[in-house]
C-alpha atoms as a PDB file:
ATOM      1  CA  MET A   1      22.164  -5.542   2.560  1.00  0.00           C
ATOM      2  CA  ALA A   2      19.169  -7.650   1.413  1.00  0.00           C
ATOM      3  CA  GLN A   3      17.493  -6.756  -1.782  1.00  0.00           C
ATOM      4  CA  MET A   4      14.866  -4.279  -0.706  1.00  0.00           C
ATOM      5  CA  LYS A   5      11.626  -3.567  -2.491  1.00  0.00           C
ATOM      6  CA  LEU A   6       8.957  -0.951  -2.548  1.00  0.00           C
ATOM      7  CA  LEU A   7       5.406  -2.310  -2.897  1.00  0.00           C
ATOM      8  CA  ARG A   8       2.926   0.210  -3.939  1.00  0.00           C
ATOM      9  CA  ILE A   9      -0.891  -0.622  -3.539  1.00  0.00           C
ATOM     10  CA  TYR A  10      -3.159   1.761  -5.335  1.00  0.00           C
ATOM     11  CA  THR A  11      -6.911   1.960  -3.902  1.00  0.00           C
ATOM     12  CA  ASP A  12      -9.250   4.729  -2.902  1.00  0.00           C
ATOM     13  CA  GLU A  13     -10.919   6.121   0.039  1.00  0.00           C
ATOM     14  CA  ALA A  14     -14.410   4.728  -1.040  1.00  0.00           C
ATOM     15  CA  ALA A  15     -13.149   1.034  -1.312  1.00  0.00           C
ATOM     16  CA  TYR A  16     -14.400  -1.141   1.423  1.00  0.00           C
ATOM     17  CA  TYR A  17     -13.509  -4.851   2.648  1.00  0.00           C
ATOM     18  CA  GLY A  18     -16.527  -5.758   4.799  1.00  0.00           C
ATOM     19  CA  ASP A  19     -17.157  -2.953   7.105  1.00  0.00           C
ATOM     20  CA  ARG A  20     -13.587  -1.484   7.012  1.00  0.00           C
ATOM     21  CA  LYS A  21     -11.822   0.556   4.444  1.00  0.00           C
ATOM     22  CA  VAL A  22      -9.296  -1.192   2.256  1.00  0.00           C
ATOM     23  CA  PHE A  23      -6.413   0.918   3.170  1.00  0.00           C
ATOM     24  CA  GLU A  24      -6.963   0.271   6.860  1.00  0.00           C
ATOM     25  CA  VAL A  25      -7.163  -3.467   6.289  1.00  0.00           C
ATOM     26  CA  VAL A  26      -4.013  -3.458   4.372  1.00  0.00           C
ATOM     27  CA  ALA A  27      -2.099  -1.325   6.774  1.00  0.00           C
ATOM     28  CA  SER A  28      -3.344  -3.523   9.645  1.00  0.00           C
ATOM     29  CA  ARG A  29      -2.307  -6.664   7.829  1.00  0.00           C
ATOM     30  CA  ALA A  30       1.155  -5.220   7.160  1.00  0.00           C
ATOM     31  CA  ARG A  31       1.664  -4.475  10.936  1.00  0.00           C
ATOM     32  CA  ASP A  32       0.510  -8.018  11.765  1.00  0.00           C
ATOM     33  CA  ALA A  33       2.929  -9.457   9.194  1.00  0.00           C
ATOM     34  CA  HIS A  34       5.735  -7.542  11.051  1.00  0.00           C
ATOM     35  CA  LEU A  35       6.712  -5.637   7.951  1.00  0.00           C
ATOM     36  CA  ALA A  36       9.073  -2.634   8.363  1.00  0.00           C
ATOM     37  CA  GLY A  37       6.281  -0.109   7.945  1.00  0.00           C
ATOM     38  CA  ALA A  38       3.404   1.171   5.815  1.00  0.00           C
ATOM     39  CA  THR A  39       2.643   4.707   4.734  1.00  0.00           C
ATOM     40  CA  VAL A  40      -0.706   5.528   3.130  1.00  0.00           C
ATOM     41  CA  VAL A  41      -0.502   8.549   0.788  1.00  0.00           C
ATOM     42  CA  GLN A  42      -3.601  10.578  -0.226  1.00  0.00           C
ATOM     43  CA  ALA A  43      -3.521  11.779  -3.951  1.00  0.00           C
ATOM     44  CA  LEU A  44      -5.091  15.066  -5.030  1.00  0.00           C
ATOM     45  CA  PHE A  45      -6.566  13.444  -8.068  1.00  0.00           C
ATOM     46  CA  GLY A  46      -6.431  10.147  -9.840  1.00  0.00           C
ATOM     47  CA  PHE A  47      -7.921   7.674 -12.272  1.00  0.00           C
ATOM     48  CA  GLY A  48      -7.435   4.121 -13.122  1.00  0.00           C
ATOM     49  CA  ARG A  49      -8.668   1.741 -15.775  1.00  0.00           C
ATOM     50  CA  THR A  50     -12.187   2.715 -15.784  1.00  0.00           C
ATOM     51  CA  ALA A  51     -11.243   6.426 -16.317  1.00  0.00           C
ATOM     52  CA  HIS A  52     -13.376   7.337 -13.135  1.00  0.00           C
ATOM     53  CA  GLN A  53     -11.933  10.490 -11.666  1.00  0.00           C
ATOM     54  CA  HIS A  54     -11.179  10.275  -7.891  1.00  0.00           C
ATOM     55  CA  ARG A  55     -11.162  13.388  -6.007  1.00  0.00           C
ATOM     56  CA  ARG A  56     -12.294  15.088  -2.874  1.00  0.00           C
ATOM     57  CA  HIS A  57     -15.844  16.128  -3.017  1.00  0.00           C
ATOM     58  CA  VAL A  58     -17.798  18.284  -0.454  1.00  0.00           C
ATOM     59  CA  LEU A  59     -19.961  15.473   0.793  1.00  0.00           C
ATOM     60  CA  GLU A  60     -17.876  12.473   0.299  1.00  0.00           C
ATOM     61  CA  ASP A  61     -14.251  11.174   0.271  1.00  0.00           C
ATOM     62  CA  GLU A  62     -13.248   9.474  -2.938  1.00  0.00           C
ATOM     63  CA  GLN A  63      -9.709  10.349  -3.413  1.00  0.00           C
ATOM     64  CA  SER A  64      -7.047   7.987  -4.733  1.00  0.00           C
ATOM     65  CA  LEU A  65      -4.681   6.498  -2.134  1.00  0.00           C
ATOM     66  CA  VAL A  66      -1.328   4.784  -2.410  1.00  0.00           C
ATOM     67  CA  ILE A  67      -0.031   2.421   0.236  1.00  0.00           C
ATOM     68  CA  GLU A  68       3.820   2.131   0.251  1.00  0.00           C
ATOM     69  CA  ILE A  69       5.687  -0.530   1.913  1.00  0.00           C
ATOM     70  CA  VAL A  70       9.509  -1.012   1.943  1.00  0.00           C
ATOM     71  CA  ASP A  71      10.896  -4.299   3.082  1.00  0.00           C
ATOM     72  CA  THR A  72      12.816  -7.238   1.677  1.00  0.00           C
ATOM     73  CA  ASP A  73      11.863  -8.754  -1.572  1.00  0.00           C
ATOM     74  CA  ALA A  74      10.514 -12.041  -0.051  1.00  0.00           C
ATOM     75  CA  HIS A  75       8.545 -10.355   2.649  1.00  0.00           C
ATOM     76  CA  VAL A  76       6.667  -7.853   0.192  1.00  0.00           C
ATOM     77  CA  ARG A  77       5.981 -10.637  -2.221  1.00  0.00           C
ATOM     78  CA  ALA A  78       4.580 -12.896   0.340  1.00  0.00           C
ATOM     79  CA  PHE A  79       2.468  -9.980   1.739  1.00  0.00           C
ATOM     80  CA  ALA A  80       1.217  -9.007  -1.732  1.00  0.00           C
ATOM     81  CA  ALA A  81       0.017 -12.540  -2.400  1.00  0.00           C
ATOM     82  CA  SER A  82      -1.760 -12.528   1.035  1.00  0.00           C
ATOM     83  CA  LEU A  83      -4.071  -9.699  -0.170  1.00  0.00           C
ATOM     84  CA  SER A  84      -5.678 -11.724  -2.978  1.00  0.00           C
ATOM     85  CA  ASP A  85      -8.936 -11.897  -1.032  1.00  0.00           C
ATOM     86  CA  ILE A  86      -9.237  -7.996  -0.871  1.00  0.00           C
ATOM     87  CA  ARG A  87     -11.489  -6.408  -3.503  1.00  0.00           C
ATOM     88  CA  GLY A  88     -10.885  -2.666  -4.042  1.00  0.00           C
ATOM     89  CA  ILE A  89      -7.200  -2.946  -4.752  1.00  0.00           C
ATOM     90  CA  GLY A  90      -6.798  -1.401  -8.121  1.00  0.00           C
ATOM     91  CA  LEU A  91      -3.049  -2.148  -8.763  1.00  0.00           C
ATOM     92  CA  MET A  92       0.066  -3.238  -7.042  1.00  0.00           C
ATOM     93  CA  THR A  93       3.588  -2.415  -8.248  1.00  0.00           C
ATOM     94  CA  LEU A  94       6.920  -3.523  -6.951  1.00  0.00           C
ATOM     95  CA  GLU A  95      10.249  -2.004  -7.645  1.00  0.00           C
ATOM     96  CA  ALA A  96      13.923  -2.178  -6.335  1.00  0.00           C
ATOM     97  CA  VAL A  97      14.816   0.559  -3.828  1.00  0.00           C
ATOM     98  CA  GLU A  98      18.123   1.578  -2.185  1.00  0.00           C
ATOM     99  CA  ILE A  99      17.967   2.408   1.416  1.00  0.00           C
ATOM    100  CA  LEU A 100      20.053   5.580   2.164  1.00  0.00           C
ATOM    101  CA  GLY A 101      19.314   5.936   5.990  1.00  0.00           C
ATOM    102  CA  GLY A 102      16.758   5.756   8.712  1.00  0.00           C
ATOM    103  CA  ASP A 103      15.974   4.412  12.087  1.00  0.00           C
ATOM    104  CA  THR A 104      14.953   0.813  11.048  1.00  0.00           C
ATOM    105  CA  VAL A 105      17.409   0.188   8.187  1.00  0.00           C
ATOM    106  CA  GLU A 106      19.316  -2.407  10.180  1.00  0.00           C
ATOM    107  CA  GLY A 107      16.031  -4.103  11.263  1.00  0.00           C
ATOM    108  CA  ILE A 108      14.599  -4.242   7.706  1.00  0.00           C
ATOM    109  CA  ALA A 109      17.323  -6.519   6.123  1.00  0.00           C
ATOM    110  CA  GLN A 110      17.303  -9.153   9.124  1.00  0.00           C
END
């Protein structure tokens, strides 16, 4: 199996790229790039470099989000580079992962 990587992209619900939320733009681009899949995970609480606390408020949504994408090393690196025009991405991390099972395992490595 090819070297698989997990790309994590940190942002928040309040981040916009034009008139769309950053997480929606990233997920759409991941689909358009034919990546194996993307999952957006909502955090209960988070803060970043500025120490601004991100949490759900009664009148607004400002929670931290993490977008997780698993694919081959080459695919996720190229995808991460393609996001350079999007402001509102706080951090991107990349780590090796081992695929244990799933419906798309064979399709990912090809």
